[in-house]
């Protein structure tokens, strides 16, 4: 059994992966890159982002990674917060049973509606 801090580390690593994936997607989009350069923003080097992503992948549990990748294939934000028992990815209320599952420190919870990985705002 893992502690809540272990689950927090797992979620933080998935957040970092999500952020890198979004940055890589944006850096790979020629229209977005051109638009940002016109506004005076320097674009990060894609190879550095991909190298950082590869290093991060080594720290992520394989089950967590598979879950994240499955969700990220169809949704930009695979990890979203819950506020007032509402998934802020799809804005559907969560069943009461989902709230009781938050006490299991080993389980990443997903929204029954959209499938995103959930975390609770403190």
PDB file of N, CA and C in Angstrom:
ATOM      1  N   UNK A   1       0.841  -1.177   0.000  1.00  0.00           N
ATOM      2  CA  UNK A   1       0.000   0.000   0.000  1.00  0.00           C
ATOM      3  C   UNK A   1       0.889   1.244   0.000  1.00  0.00           C
ATOM      4  N   UNK A   2       0.532   2.221  -0.828  1.00  0.00           N
ATOM      5  CA  UNK A   2       1.329   3.441  -0.934  1.00  0.00           C
ATOM      6  C   UNK A   2       0.696   4.542  -0.096  1.00  0.00           C
ATOM      7  N   UNK A   3       1.491   5.511   0.291  1.00  0.00           N
ATOM      8  CA  UNK A   3       0.959   6.643   1.038  1.00  0.00           C
ATOM      9  C   UNK A   3       0.377   7.670   0.070  1.00  0.00           C
ATOM     10  N   UNK A   4      -0.368   8.614   0.636  1.00  0.00           N
ATOM     11  CA  UNK A   4      -0.934   9.679  -0.203  1.00  0.00           C
ATOM     12  C   UNK A   4       0.153  10.477  -0.893  1.00  0.00           C
ATOM     13  N   UNK A   5       1.324  10.600  -0.242  1.00  0.00           N
ATOM     14  CA  UNK A   5       2.414  11.333  -0.882  1.00  0.00           C
ATOM     15  C   UNK A   5       2.939  10.574  -2.095  1.00  0.00           C
ATOM     16  N   UNK A   6       2.913   9.237  -2.040  1.00  0.00           N
ATOM     17  CA  UNK A   6       3.331   8.444  -3.199  1.00  0.00           C
ATOM     18  C   UNK A   6       2.368   8.655  -4.356  1.00  0.00           C
ATOM     19  N   UNK A   7       1.078   8.714  -4.058  1.00  0.00           N
ATOM     20  CA  UNK A   7       0.086   8.979  -5.096  1.00  0.00           C
ATOM     21  C   UNK A   7       0.284  10.391  -5.648  1.00  0.00           C
ATOM     22  N   UNK A   8       0.607  11.333  -4.792  1.00  0.00           N
ATOM     23  CA  UNK A   8       0.851  12.703  -5.234  1.00  0.00           C
ATOM     24  C   UNK A   8       2.031  12.773  -6.195  1.00  0.00           C
ATOM     25  N   UNK A   9       3.076  12.006  -5.906  1.00  0.00           N
ATOM     26  CA  UNK A   9       4.244  11.968  -6.792  1.00  0.00           C
ATOM     27  C   UNK A   9       3.838  11.372  -8.140  1.00  0.00           C
ATOM     28  N   UNK A  10       3.045  10.313  -8.107  1.00  0.00           N
ATOM     29  CA  UNK A  10       2.577   9.691  -9.352  1.00  0.00           C
ATOM     30  C   UNK A  10       1.775  10.693 -10.177  1.00  0.00           C
ATOM     31  N   UNK A  11       0.866  11.401  -9.528  1.00  0.00           N
ATOM     32  CA  UNK A  11       0.066  12.404 -10.239  1.00  0.00           C
ATOM     33  C   UNK A  11       0.933  13.540 -10.766  1.00  0.00           C
ATOM     34  N   UNK A  12       1.907  13.988  -9.977  1.00  0.00           N
ATOM     35  CA  UNK A  12       2.787  15.079 -10.398  1.00  0.00           C
ATOM     36  C   UNK A  12       3.585  14.673 -11.629  1.00  0.00           C
ATOM     37  N   UNK A  13       4.068  13.444 -11.662  1.00  0.00           N
ATOM     38  CA  UNK A  13       4.802  12.981 -12.837  1.00  0.00           C
ATOM     39  C   UNK A  13       3.898  12.934 -14.069  1.00  0.00           C
ATOM     40  N   UNK A  14       2.650  12.528 -13.878  1.00  0.00           N
ATOM     41  CA  UNK A  14       1.711  12.518 -15.004  1.00  0.00           C
ATOM     42  C   UNK A  14       1.388  13.941 -15.453  1.00  0.00           C
ATOM     43  N   UNK A  15       1.287  14.873 -14.514  1.00  0.00           N
ATOM     44  CA  UNK A  15       1.087  16.286 -14.866  1.00  0.00           C
ATOM     45  C   UNK A  15       2.249  16.798 -15.709  1.00  0.00           C
ATOM     46  N   UNK A  16       3.455  16.477 -15.277  1.00  0.00           N
ATOM     47  CA  UNK A  16       4.641  16.914 -16.016  1.00  0.00           C
ATOM     48  C   UNK A  16       4.634  16.340 -17.429  1.00  0.00           C
ATOM     49  N   UNK A  17       4.257  15.081 -17.536  1.00  0.00           N
ATOM     50  CA  UNK A  17       4.174  14.449 -18.847  1.00  0.00           C
ATOM     51  C   UNK A  17       3.120  15.132 -19.715  1.00  0.00           C
ATOM     52  N   UNK A  18       1.983  15.432 -19.126  1.00  0.00           N
ATOM     53  CA  UNK A  18       0.933  16.122 -19.867  1.00  0.00           C
ATOM     54  C   UNK A  18       1.412  17.488 -20.354  1.00  0.00           C
ATOM     55  N   UNK A  19       2.088  18.224 -19.484  1.00  0.00           N
ATOM     56  CA  UNK A  19       2.613  19.541 -19.872  1.00  0.00           C
ATOM     57  C   UNK A  19       3.615  19.424 -21.023  1.00  0.00           C
ATOM     58  N   UNK A  20       4.516  18.461 -20.918  1.00  0.00           N
ATOM     59  CA  UNK A  20       5.497  18.265 -21.995  1.00  0.00           C
ATOM     60  C   UNK A  20       4.811  17.857 -23.295  1.00  0.00           C
ATOM     61  N   UNK A  21       3.819  16.993 -23.214  1.00  0.00           N
ATOM     62  CA  UNK A  21       3.094  16.580 -24.418  1.00  0.00           C
ATOM     63  C   UNK A  21       2.410  17.766 -25.090  1.00  0.00           C
ATOM     64  N   UNK A  22       1.828  18.651 -24.294  1.00  0.00           N
ATOM     65  CA  UNK A  22       1.170  19.844 -24.853  1.00  0.00           C
ATOM     66  C   UNK A  22       2.212  20.762 -25.486  1.00  0.00           C
ATOM     67  N   UNK A  23       3.344  20.969 -24.814  1.00  0.00           N
ATOM     68  CA  UNK A  23       4.405  21.816 -25.380  1.00  0.00           C
ATOM     69  C   UNK A  23       4.955  21.234 -26.678  1.00  0.00           C
ATOM     70  N   UNK A  24       5.147  19.915 -26.706  1.00  0.00           N
ATOM     71  CA  UNK A  24       5.648  19.262 -27.921  1.00  0.00           C
ATOM     72  C   UNK A  24       4.637  19.396 -29.053  1.00  0.00           C
ATOM     73  N   UNK A  25       3.370  19.203 -28.735  1.00  0.00           N
ATOM     74  CA  UNK A  25       2.315  19.353 -29.750  1.00  0.00           C
ATOM     75  C   UNK A  25       2.305  20.777 -30.314  1.00  0.00           C
ATOM     76  N   UNK A  26       2.426  21.761 -29.434  1.00  0.00           N
ATOM     77  CA  UNK A  26       2.433  23.153 -29.884  1.00  0.00           C
ATOM     78  C   UNK A  26       3.691  23.471 -30.687  1.00  0.00           C
ATOM     79  N   UNK A  27       4.838  22.957 -30.249  1.00  0.00           N
ATOM     80  CA  UNK A  27       6.094  23.220 -30.956  1.00  0.00           C
ATOM     81  C   UNK A  27       6.114  22.543 -32.324  1.00  0.00           C
ATOM     82  N   UNK A  28       5.318  21.506 -32.490  1.00  0.00           N
ATOM     83  CA  UNK A  28       5.268  20.771 -33.754  1.00  0.00           C
ATOM     84  C   UNK A  28       4.243  21.341 -34.724  1.00  0.00           C
ATOM     85  N   UNK A  29       3.406  22.253 -34.251  1.00  0.00           N
ATOM     86  CA  UNK A  29       2.343  22.834 -35.083  1.00  0.00           C
ATOM     87  C   UNK A  29       2.885  24.057 -35.825  1.00  0.00           C
ATOM     88  N   UNK A  30       3.061  23.973 -37.150  1.00  0.00           N
ATOM     89  CA  UNK A  30       3.661  25.091 -37.907  1.00  0.00           C
ATOM     90  C   UNK A  30       2.861  26.388 -37.828  1.00  0.00           C
ATOM     91  N   UNK A  31       1.544  26.299 -37.824  1.00  0.00           N
ATOM     92  CA  UNK A  31       0.719  27.517 -37.750  1.00  0.00           C
ATOM     93  C   UNK A  31       0.884  28.209 -36.407  1.00  0.00           C
ATOM     94  N   UNK A  32       0.836  27.430 -35.349  1.00  0.00           N
ATOM     95  CA  UNK A  32       0.979  27.990 -34.011  1.00  0.00           C
ATOM     96  C   UNK A  32       2.377  28.569 -33.821  1.00  0.00           C
ATOM     97  N   UNK A  33       3.381  27.866 -34.301  1.00  0.00           N
ATOM     98  CA  UNK A  33       4.766  28.331 -34.187  1.00  0.00           C
ATOM     99  C   UNK A  33       4.930  29.671 -34.900  1.00  0.00           C
ATOM    100  N   UNK A  34       4.397  29.773 -36.098  1.00  0.00           N
ATOM    101  CA  UNK A  34       4.477  31.009 -36.873  1.00  0.00           C
ATOM    102  C   UNK A  34       3.765  32.152 -36.155  1.00  0.00           C
ATOM    103  N   UNK A  35       2.594  31.865 -35.632  1.00  0.00           N
ATOM    104  CA  UNK A  35       1.817  32.879 -34.921  1.00  0.00           C
ATOM    105  C   UNK A  35       2.566  33.375 -33.683  1.00  0.00           C
ATOM    106  N   UNK A  36       3.152  32.452 -32.929  1.00  0.00           N
ATOM    107  CA  UNK A  36       3.895  32.839 -31.725  1.00  0.00           C
ATOM    108  C   UNK A  36       5.154  33.628 -32.068  1.00  0.00           C
ATOM    109  N   UNK A  37       5.829  33.250 -33.143  1.00  0.00           N
ATOM    110  CA  UNK A  37       7.031  33.980 -33.552  1.00  0.00           C
ATOM    111  C   UNK A  37       6.675  35.402 -33.977  1.00  0.00           C
ATOM    112  N   UNK A  38       5.530  35.603 -34.623  1.00  0.00           N
ATOM    113  CA  UNK A  38       5.077  36.949 -35.008  1.00  0.00           C
ATOM    114  C   UNK A  38       4.819  37.815 -33.781  1.00  0.00           C
ATOM    115  N   UNK A  39       4.401  37.183 -32.679  1.00  0.00           N
ATOM    116  CA  UNK A  39       4.146  37.927 -31.438  1.00  0.00           C
ATOM    117  C   UNK A  39       5.422  38.147 -30.639  1.00  0.00           C
ATOM    118  N   UNK A  40       6.546  37.586 -31.115  1.00  0.00           N
ATOM    119  CA  UNK A  40       7.826  37.809 -30.455  1.00  0.00           C
ATOM    120  C   UNK A  40       8.224  36.746 -29.448  1.00  0.00           C
ATOM    121  N   UNK A  41       7.527  35.622 -29.437  1.00  0.00           N
ATOM    122  CA  UNK A  41       7.869  34.542 -28.518  1.00  0.00           C
ATOM    123  C   UNK A  41       8.860  33.596 -29.183  1.00  0.00           C
ATOM    124  N   UNK A  42       9.930  33.325 -28.461  1.00  0.00           N
ATOM    125  CA  UNK A  42      10.898  32.336 -28.956  1.00  0.00           C
ATOM    126  C   UNK A  42      10.303  30.954 -28.731  1.00  0.00           C
ATOM    127  N   UNK A  43      10.484  30.096 -29.687  1.00  0.00           N
ATOM    128  CA  UNK A  43       9.924  28.757 -29.566  1.00  0.00           C
ATOM    129  C   UNK A  43      10.971  27.799 -29.019  1.00  0.00           C
ATOM    130  N   UNK A  44      10.569  26.939 -28.074  1.00  0.00           N
ATOM    131  CA  UNK A  44      11.545  26.001 -27.495  1.00  0.00           C
ATOM    132  C   UNK A  44      12.017  24.993 -28.539  1.00  0.00           C
ATOM    133  N   UNK A  45      13.168  24.463 -28.278  1.00  0.00           N
ATOM    134  CA  UNK A  45      13.705  23.452 -29.175  1.00  0.00           C
ATOM    135  C   UNK A  45      12.961  22.145 -28.947  1.00  0.00           C
ATOM    136  N   UNK A  46      12.404  21.621 -29.996  1.00  0.00           N
ATOM    137  CA  UNK A  46      11.613  20.406 -29.919  1.00  0.00           C
ATOM    138  C   UNK A  46      12.434  19.228 -29.391  1.00  0.00           C
ATOM    139  N   UNK A  47      13.693  19.137 -29.799  1.00  0.00           N
ATOM    140  CA  UNK A  47      14.515  18.015 -29.355  1.00  0.00           C
ATOM    141  C   UNK A  47      14.752  18.034 -27.844  1.00  0.00           C
ATOM    142  N   UNK A  48      14.874  19.222 -27.245  1.00  0.00           N
ATOM    143  CA  UNK A  48      15.053  19.319 -25.800  1.00  0.00           C
ATOM    144  C   UNK A  48      13.781  18.883 -25.065  1.00  0.00           C
ATOM    145  N   UNK A  49      12.637  19.266 -25.608  1.00  0.00           N
ATOM    146  CA  UNK A  49      11.368  18.861 -25.005  1.00  0.00           C
ATOM    147  C   UNK A  49      11.205  17.340 -25.071  1.00  0.00           C
ATOM    148  N   UNK A  50      11.535  16.767 -26.210  1.00  0.00           N
ATOM    149  CA  UNK A  50      11.401  15.326 -26.368  1.00  0.00           C
ATOM    150  C   UNK A  50      12.387  14.568 -25.475  1.00  0.00           C
ATOM    151  N   UNK A  51      13.579  15.097 -25.294  1.00  0.00           N
ATOM    152  CA  UNK A  51      14.553  14.469 -24.402  1.00  0.00           C
ATOM    153  C   UNK A  51      14.067  14.521 -22.951  1.00  0.00           C
ATOM    154  N   UNK A  52      13.500  15.650 -22.554  1.00  0.00           N
ATOM    155  CA  UNK A  52      12.948  15.773 -21.204  1.00  0.00           C
ATOM    156  C   UNK A  52      11.800  14.788 -21.010  1.00  0.00           C
ATOM    157  N   UNK A  53      10.990  14.613 -22.042  1.00  0.00           N
ATOM    158  CA  UNK A  53       9.871  13.662 -21.979  1.00  0.00           C
ATOM    159  C   UNK A  53      10.395  12.241 -21.805  1.00  0.00           C
ATOM    160  N   UNK A  54      11.428  11.888 -22.542  1.00  0.00           N
ATOM    161  CA  UNK A  54      12.001  10.540 -22.434  1.00  0.00           C
ATOM    162  C   UNK A  54      12.562  10.285 -21.033  1.00  0.00           C
ATOM    163  N   UNK A  55      13.233  11.281 -20.459  1.00  0.00           N
ATOM    164  CA  UNK A  55      13.762  11.128 -19.097  1.00  0.00           C
ATOM    165  C   UNK A  55      12.623  10.939 -18.098  1.00  0.00           C
ATOM    166  N   UNK A  56      11.567  11.700 -18.279  1.00  0.00           N
ATOM    167  CA  UNK A  56      10.426  11.613 -17.375  1.00  0.00           C
ATOM    168  C   UNK A  56       9.738  10.251 -17.477  1.00  0.00           C
ATOM    169  N   UNK A  57       9.639   9.715 -18.681  1.00  0.00           N
ATOM    170  CA  UNK A  57       8.991   8.414 -18.867  1.00  0.00           C
ATOM    171  C   UNK A  57       9.628   7.321 -18.020  1.00  0.00           C
ATOM    172  N   UNK A  58      10.926   7.439 -17.778  1.00  0.00           N
ATOM    173  CA  UNK A  58      11.636   6.443 -16.980  1.00  0.00           C
ATOM    174  C   UNK A  58      11.186   6.442 -15.518  1.00  0.00           C
ATOM    175  N   UNK A  59      10.580   7.524 -15.065  1.00  0.00           N
ATOM    176  CA  UNK A  59      10.171   7.638 -13.663  1.00  0.00           C
ATOM    177  C   UNK A  59       8.707   7.281 -13.435  1.00  0.00           C
ATOM    178  N   UNK A  60       7.959   7.048 -14.502  1.00  0.00           N
ATOM    179  CA  UNK A  60       6.514   6.829 -14.385  1.00  0.00           C
ATOM    180  C   UNK A  60       6.200   5.339 -14.388  1.00  0.00           C
ATOM    181  N   UNK A  61       5.343   4.947 -13.456  1.00  0.00           N
ATOM    182  CA  UNK A  61       4.874   3.572 -13.367  1.00  0.00           C
ATOM    183  C   UNK A  61       4.227   3.169 -14.699  1.00  0.00           C
ATOM    184  N   UNK A  62       4.508   1.978 -15.155  1.00  0.00           N
ATOM    185  CA  UNK A  62       4.036   1.524 -16.481  1.00  0.00           C
ATOM    186  C   UNK A  62       2.511   1.486 -16.571  1.00  0.00           C
ATOM    187  N   UNK A  63       1.839   1.087 -15.480  1.00  0.00           N
ATOM    188  CA  UNK A  63       0.363   1.075 -15.506  1.00  0.00           C
ATOM    189  C   UNK A  63      -0.184   2.490 -15.617  1.00  0.00           C
ATOM    190  N   UNK A  64       0.414   3.407 -14.859  1.00  0.00           N
ATOM    191  CA  UNK A  64      -0.016   4.807 -14.925  1.00  0.00           C
ATOM    192  C   UNK A  64       0.209   5.358 -16.330  1.00  0.00           C
ATOM    193  N   UNK A  65       1.345   5.020 -16.926  1.00  0.00           N
ATOM    194  CA  UNK A  65       1.673   5.501 -18.264  1.00  0.00           C
ATOM    195  C   UNK A  65       0.676   4.977 -19.300  1.00  0.00           C
ATOM    196  N   UNK A  66       0.351   3.691 -19.220  1.00  0.00           N
ATOM    197  CA  UNK A  66      -0.621   3.123 -20.167  1.00  0.00           C
ATOM    198  C   UNK A  66      -1.977   3.823 -20.049  1.00  0.00           C
ATOM    199  N   UNK A  67      -2.415   4.059 -18.812  1.00  0.00           N
ATOM    200  CA  UNK A  67      -3.689   4.745 -18.595  1.00  0.00           C
ATOM    201  C   UNK A  67      -3.632   6.155 -19.181  1.00  0.00           C
ATOM    202  N   UNK A  68      -2.570   6.881 -18.863  1.00  0.00           N
ATOM    203  CA  UNK A  68      -2.416   8.244 -19.382  1.00  0.00           C
ATOM    204  C   UNK A  68      -2.412   8.258 -20.910  1.00  0.00           C
ATOM    205  N   UNK A  69      -1.627   7.372 -21.531  1.00  0.00           N
ATOM    206  CA  UNK A  69      -1.523   7.360 -22.988  1.00  0.00           C
ATOM    207  C   UNK A  69      -2.852   7.028 -23.653  1.00  0.00           C
ATOM    208  N   UNK A  70      -3.597   6.130 -23.061  1.00  0.00           N
ATOM    209  CA  UNK A  70      -4.910   5.767 -23.599  1.00  0.00           C
ATOM    210  C   UNK A  70      -5.841   6.978 -23.611  1.00  0.00           C
ATOM    211  N   UNK A  71      -5.818   7.740 -22.539  1.00  0.00           N
ATOM    212  CA  UNK A  71      -6.683   8.927 -22.440  1.00  0.00           C
ATOM    213  C   UNK A  71      -6.156  10.040 -23.337  1.00  0.00           C
ATOM    214  N   UNK A  72      -4.841  10.255 -23.332  1.00  0.00           N
ATOM    215  CA  UNK A  72      -4.232  11.355 -24.087  1.00  0.00           C
ATOM    216  C   UNK A  72      -4.374  11.179 -25.599  1.00  0.00           C
ATOM    217  N   UNK A  73      -4.613   9.967 -26.061  1.00  0.00           N
ATOM    218  CA  UNK A  73      -4.827   9.754 -27.499  1.00  0.00           C
ATOM    219  C   UNK A  73      -6.083  10.470 -27.988  1.00  0.00           C
ATOM    220  N   UNK A  74      -7.057  10.631 -27.088  1.00  0.00           N
ATOM    221  CA  UNK A  74      -8.319  11.230 -27.524  1.00  0.00           C
ATOM    222  C   UNK A  74      -8.651  12.565 -26.869  1.00  0.00           C
ATOM    223  N   UNK A  75      -7.908  12.925 -25.809  1.00  0.00           N
ATOM    224  CA  UNK A  75      -8.197  14.171 -25.097  1.00  0.00           C
ATOM    225  C   UNK A  75      -6.902  14.939 -24.834  1.00  0.00           C
ATOM    226  N   UNK A  76      -6.924  16.249 -25.017  1.00  0.00           N
ATOM    227  CA  UNK A  76      -5.742  17.069 -24.773  1.00  0.00           C
ATOM    228  C   UNK A  76      -5.340  17.030 -23.303  1.00  0.00           C
ATOM    229  N   UNK A  77      -6.308  17.145 -22.419  1.00  0.00           N
ATOM    230  CA  UNK A  77      -6.034  17.132 -20.980  1.00  0.00           C
ATOM    231  C   UNK A  77      -6.534  15.813 -20.405  1.00  0.00           C
ATOM    232  N   UNK A  78      -5.589  14.929 -20.122  1.00  0.00           N
ATOM    233  CA  UNK A  78      -5.919  13.607 -19.598  1.00  0.00           C
ATOM    234  C   UNK A  78      -6.116  13.629 -18.087  1.00  0.00           C
ATOM    235  N   UNK A  79      -5.617  14.672 -17.433  1.00  0.00           N
ATOM    236  CA  UNK A  79      -5.698  14.795 -15.980  1.00  0.00           C
ATOM    237  C   UNK A  79      -6.402  16.102 -15.660  1.00  0.00           C
ATOM    238  N   UNK A  80      -7.484  16.026 -14.891  1.00  0.00           N
ATOM    239  CA  UNK A  80      -8.261  17.219 -14.578  1.00  0.00           C
ATOM    240  C   UNK A  80      -8.674  17.213 -13.109  1.00  0.00           C
ATOM    241  N   UNK A  81      -8.945  18.399 -12.567  1.00  0.00           N
ATOM    242  CA  UNK A  81      -9.379  18.465 -11.170  1.00  0.00           C
ATOM    243  C   UNK A  81     -10.866  18.172 -11.006  1.00  0.00           C
ATOM    244  N   UNK A  82     -11.215  17.889  -9.756  1.00  0.00           N
ATOM    245  CA  UNK A  82     -12.606  17.733  -9.343  1.00  0.00           C
ATOM    246  C   UNK A  82     -12.898  18.864  -8.379  1.00  0.00           C
ATOM    247  N   UNK A  83     -14.008  19.505  -8.579  1.00  0.00           N
ATOM    248  CA  UNK A  83     -14.427  20.560  -7.656  1.00  0.00           C
ATOM    249  C   UNK A  83     -15.910  20.384  -7.384  1.00  0.00           C
ATOM    250  N   UNK A  84     -16.276  20.380  -6.129  1.00  0.00           N
ATOM    251  CA  UNK A  84     -17.670  20.181  -5.732  1.00  0.00           C
ATOM    252  C   UNK A  84     -18.266  18.930  -6.376  1.00  0.00           C
ATOM    253  N   UNK A  85     -17.499  17.838  -6.332  1.00  0.00           N
ATOM    254  CA  UNK A  85     -17.904  16.538  -6.890  1.00  0.00           C
ATOM    255  C   UNK A  85     -18.227  16.615  -8.386  1.00  0.00           C
ATOM    256  N   UNK A  86     -17.594  17.561  -9.096  1.00  0.00           N
ATOM    257  CA  UNK A  86     -17.803  17.712 -10.538  1.00  0.00           C
ATOM    258  C   UNK A  86     -16.469  17.581 -11.252  1.00  0.00           C
ATOM    259  N   UNK A  87     -16.419  16.719 -12.265  1.00  0.00           N
ATOM    260  CA  UNK A  87     -15.226  16.584 -13.100  1.00  0.00           C
ATOM    261  C   UNK A  87     -15.110  17.860 -13.927  1.00  0.00           C
ATOM    262  N   UNK A  88     -13.980  18.543 -13.841  1.00  0.00           N
ATOM    263  CA  UNK A  88     -13.805  19.784 -14.589  1.00  0.00           C
ATOM    264  C   UNK A  88     -13.282  19.535 -16.004  1.00  0.00           C
ATOM    265  N   UNK A  89     -13.299  18.282 -16.433  1.00  0.00           N
ATOM    266  CA  UNK A  89     -12.994  17.945 -17.819  1.00  0.00           C
ATOM    267  C   UNK A  89     -14.261  17.884 -18.647  1.00  0.00           C
ATOM    268  N   UNK A  90     -15.306  17.261 -18.069  1.00  0.00           N
ATOM    269  CA  UNK A  90     -16.574  17.104 -18.799  1.00  0.00           C
ATOM    270  C   UNK A  90     -17.742  17.785 -18.097  1.00  0.00           C
ATOM    271  N   UNK A  91     -17.507  18.294 -16.891  1.00  0.00           N
ATOM    272  CA  UNK A  91     -18.512  19.016 -16.097  1.00  0.00           C
ATOM    273  C   UNK A  91     -19.709  18.157 -15.724  1.00  0.00           C
ATOM    274  N   UNK A  92     -19.458  16.878 -15.533  1.00  0.00           N
ATOM    275  CA  UNK A  92     -20.494  15.965 -15.073  1.00  0.00           C
ATOM    276  C   UNK A  92     -20.229  15.660 -13.600  1.00  0.00           C
ATOM    277  N   UNK A  93     -21.310  15.636 -12.808  1.00  0.00           N
ATOM    278  CA  UNK A  93     -21.181  15.321 -11.396  1.00  0.00           C
ATOM    279  C   UNK A  93     -20.770  13.886 -11.186  1.00  0.00           C
ATOM    280  N   UNK A  94     -19.912  13.679 -10.203  1.00  0.00           N
ATOM    281  CA  UNK A  94     -19.439  12.335  -9.881  1.00  0.00           C
ATOM    282  C   UNK A  94     -20.392  11.678  -8.892  1.00  0.00           C
ATOM    283  N   UNK A  95     -20.536  10.371  -8.986  1.00  0.00           N
ATOM    284  CA  UNK A  95     -21.373   9.684  -8.001  1.00  0.00           C
ATOM    285  C   UNK A  95     -20.729   9.747  -6.621  1.00  0.00           C
ATOM    286  N   UNK A  96     -21.553   9.630  -5.609  1.00  0.00           N
ATOM    287  CA  UNK A  96     -21.064   9.675  -4.234  1.00  0.00           C
ATOM    288  C   UNK A  96     -20.015   8.605  -3.992  1.00  0.00           C
ATOM    289  N   UNK A  97     -20.162   7.463  -4.635  1.00  0.00           N
ATOM    290  CA  UNK A  97     -19.198   6.374  -4.442  1.00  0.00           C
ATOM    291  C   UNK A  97     -17.792   6.772  -4.881  1.00  0.00           C
ATOM    292  N   UNK A  98     -17.661   7.644  -5.860  1.00  0.00           N
ATOM    293  CA  UNK A  98     -16.341   8.079  -6.319  1.00  0.00           C
ATOM    294  C   UNK A  98     -15.623   8.873  -5.241  1.00  0.00           C
ATOM    295  N   UNK A  99     -16.365   9.639  -4.485  1.00  0.00           N
ATOM    296  CA  UNK A  99     -15.761  10.445  -3.427  1.00  0.00           C
ATOM    297  C   UNK A  99     -15.213   9.529  -2.338  1.00  0.00           C
ATOM    298  N   UNK A 100     -15.902   8.446  -2.048  1.00  0.00           N
ATOM    299  CA  UNK A 100     -15.422   7.534  -1.007  1.00  0.00           C
ATOM    300  C   UNK A 100     -14.168   6.789  -1.446  1.00  0.00           C
ATOM    301  N   UNK A 101     -13.940   6.673  -2.750  1.00  0.00           N
ATOM    302  CA  UNK A 101     -12.756   5.989  -3.258  1.00  0.00           C
ATOM    303  C   UNK A 101     -11.485   6.815  -3.109  1.00  0.00           C
ATOM    304  N   UNK A 102     -11.612   8.093  -2.802  1.00  0.00           N
ATOM    305  CA  UNK A 102     -10.432   8.955  -2.685  1.00  0.00           C
ATOM    306  C   UNK A 102      -9.544   8.550  -1.516  1.00  0.00           C
ATOM    307  N   UNK A 103     -10.049   7.706  -0.644  1.00  0.00           N
ATOM    308  CA  UNK A 103      -9.240   7.279   0.496  1.00  0.00           C
ATOM    309  C   UNK A 103      -8.288   6.144   0.138  1.00  0.00           C
ATOM    310  N   UNK A 104      -8.427   5.552  -1.051  1.00  0.00           N
ATOM    311  CA  UNK A 104      -7.525   4.472  -1.476  1.00  0.00           C
ATOM    312  C   UNK A 104      -6.264   5.114  -2.058  1.00  0.00           C
ATOM    313  N   UNK A 105      -5.152   5.057  -1.333  1.00  0.00           N
ATOM    314  CA  UNK A 105      -3.949   5.762  -1.772  1.00  0.00           C
ATOM    315  C   UNK A 105      -3.235   5.119  -2.952  1.00  0.00           C
ATOM    316  N   UNK A 106      -3.668   3.952  -3.379  1.00  0.00           N
ATOM    317  CA  UNK A 106      -2.981   3.262  -4.461  1.00  0.00           C
ATOM    318  C   UNK A 106      -3.692   3.407  -5.799  1.00  0.00           C
ATOM    319  N   UNK A 107      -4.833   4.039  -5.799  1.00  0.00           N
ATOM    320  CA  UNK A 107      -5.665   4.045  -7.000  1.00  0.00           C
ATOM    321  C   UNK A 107      -5.761   5.431  -7.629  1.00  0.00           C
ATOM    322  N   UNK A 108      -5.442   5.489  -8.920  1.00  0.00           N
ATOM    323  CA  UNK A 108      -5.734   6.688  -9.689  1.00  0.00           C
ATOM    324  C   UNK A 108      -7.199   6.586 -10.082  1.00  0.00           C
ATOM    325  N   UNK A 109      -7.950   7.618  -9.804  1.00  0.00           N
ATOM    326  CA  UNK A 109      -9.374   7.597 -10.119  1.00  0.00           C
ATOM    327  C   UNK A 109      -9.626   8.226 -11.474  1.00  0.00           C
ATOM    328  N   UNK A 110     -10.604   7.692 -12.178  1.00  0.00           N
ATOM    329  CA  UNK A 110     -10.980   8.244 -13.473  1.00  0.00           C
ATOM    330  C   UNK A 110     -12.461   8.599 -13.449  1.00  0.00           C
ATOM    331  N   UNK A 111     -12.819   9.556 -14.276  1.00  0.00           N
ATOM    332  CA  UNK A 111     -14.206   9.987 -14.405  1.00  0.00           C
ATOM    333  C   UNK A 111     -14.989   8.896 -15.139  1.00  0.00           C
ATOM    334  N   UNK A 112     -16.126   8.521 -14.599  1.00  0.00           N
ATOM    335  CA  UNK A 112     -16.955   7.496 -15.235  1.00  0.00           C
ATOM    336  C   UNK A 112     -17.523   7.965 -16.562  1.00  0.00           C
ATOM    337  N   UNK A 113     -17.610   9.277 -16.759  1.00  0.00           N
ATOM    338  CA  UNK A 113     -18.180   9.813 -17.993  1.00  0.00           C
ATOM    339  C   UNK A 113     -17.130   9.985 -19.093  1.00  0.00           C
ATOM    340  N   UNK A 114     -16.068  10.756 -18.815  1.00  0.00           N
ATOM    341  CA  UNK A 114     -15.087  11.080 -19.860  1.00  0.00           C
ATOM    342  C   UNK A 114     -13.824  10.232 -19.789  1.00  0.00           C
ATOM    343  N   UNK A 115     -13.588   9.566 -18.671  1.00  0.00           N
ATOM    344  CA  UNK A 115     -12.433   8.689 -18.529  1.00  0.00           C
ATOM    345  C   UNK A 115     -11.153   9.361 -18.098  1.00  0.00           C
ATOM    346  N   UNK A 116     -11.170  10.686 -17.883  1.00  0.00           N
ATOM    347  CA  UNK A 116      -9.954  11.388 -17.478  1.00  0.00           C
ATOM    348  C   UNK A 116      -9.528  10.984 -16.066  1.00  0.00           C
ATOM    349  N   UNK A 117      -8.226  11.126 -15.807  1.00  0.00           N
ATOM    350  CA  UNK A 117      -7.678  10.912 -14.469  1.00  0.00           C
ATOM    351  C   UNK A 117      -8.059  12.117 -13.626  1.00  0.00           C
ATOM    352  N   UNK A 118      -8.539  11.849 -12.427  1.00  0.00           N
ATOM    353  CA  UNK A 118      -9.058  12.912 -11.560  1.00  0.00           C
ATOM    354  C   UNK A 118      -8.139  13.165 -10.369  1.00  0.00           C
ATOM    355  N   UNK A 119      -8.151  14.408  -9.928  1.00  0.00           N
ATOM    356  CA  UNK A 119      -7.533  14.748  -8.650  1.00  0.00           C
ATOM    357  C   UNK A 119      -8.409  15.794  -7.983  1.00  0.00           C
ATOM    358  N   UNK A 120      -8.362  15.799  -6.670  1.00  0.00           N
ATOM    359  CA  UNK A 120      -9.206  16.706  -5.895  1.00  0.00           C
ATOM    360  C   UNK A 120      -8.435  17.956  -5.543  1.00  0.00           C
ATOM    361  N   UNK A 121      -9.063  19.117  -5.738  1.00  0.00           N
ATOM    362  CA  UNK A 121      -8.475  20.382  -5.320  1.00  0.00           C
ATOM    363  C   UNK A 121      -8.562  20.455  -3.804  1.00  0.00           C
ATOM    364  N   UNK A 122      -7.514  20.958  -3.198  1.00  0.00           N
ATOM    365  CA  UNK A 122      -7.510  21.044  -1.734  1.00  0.00           C
ATOM    366  C   UNK A 122      -7.921  22.405  -1.285  1.00  0.00           C
TER     367      UNK A 122
END
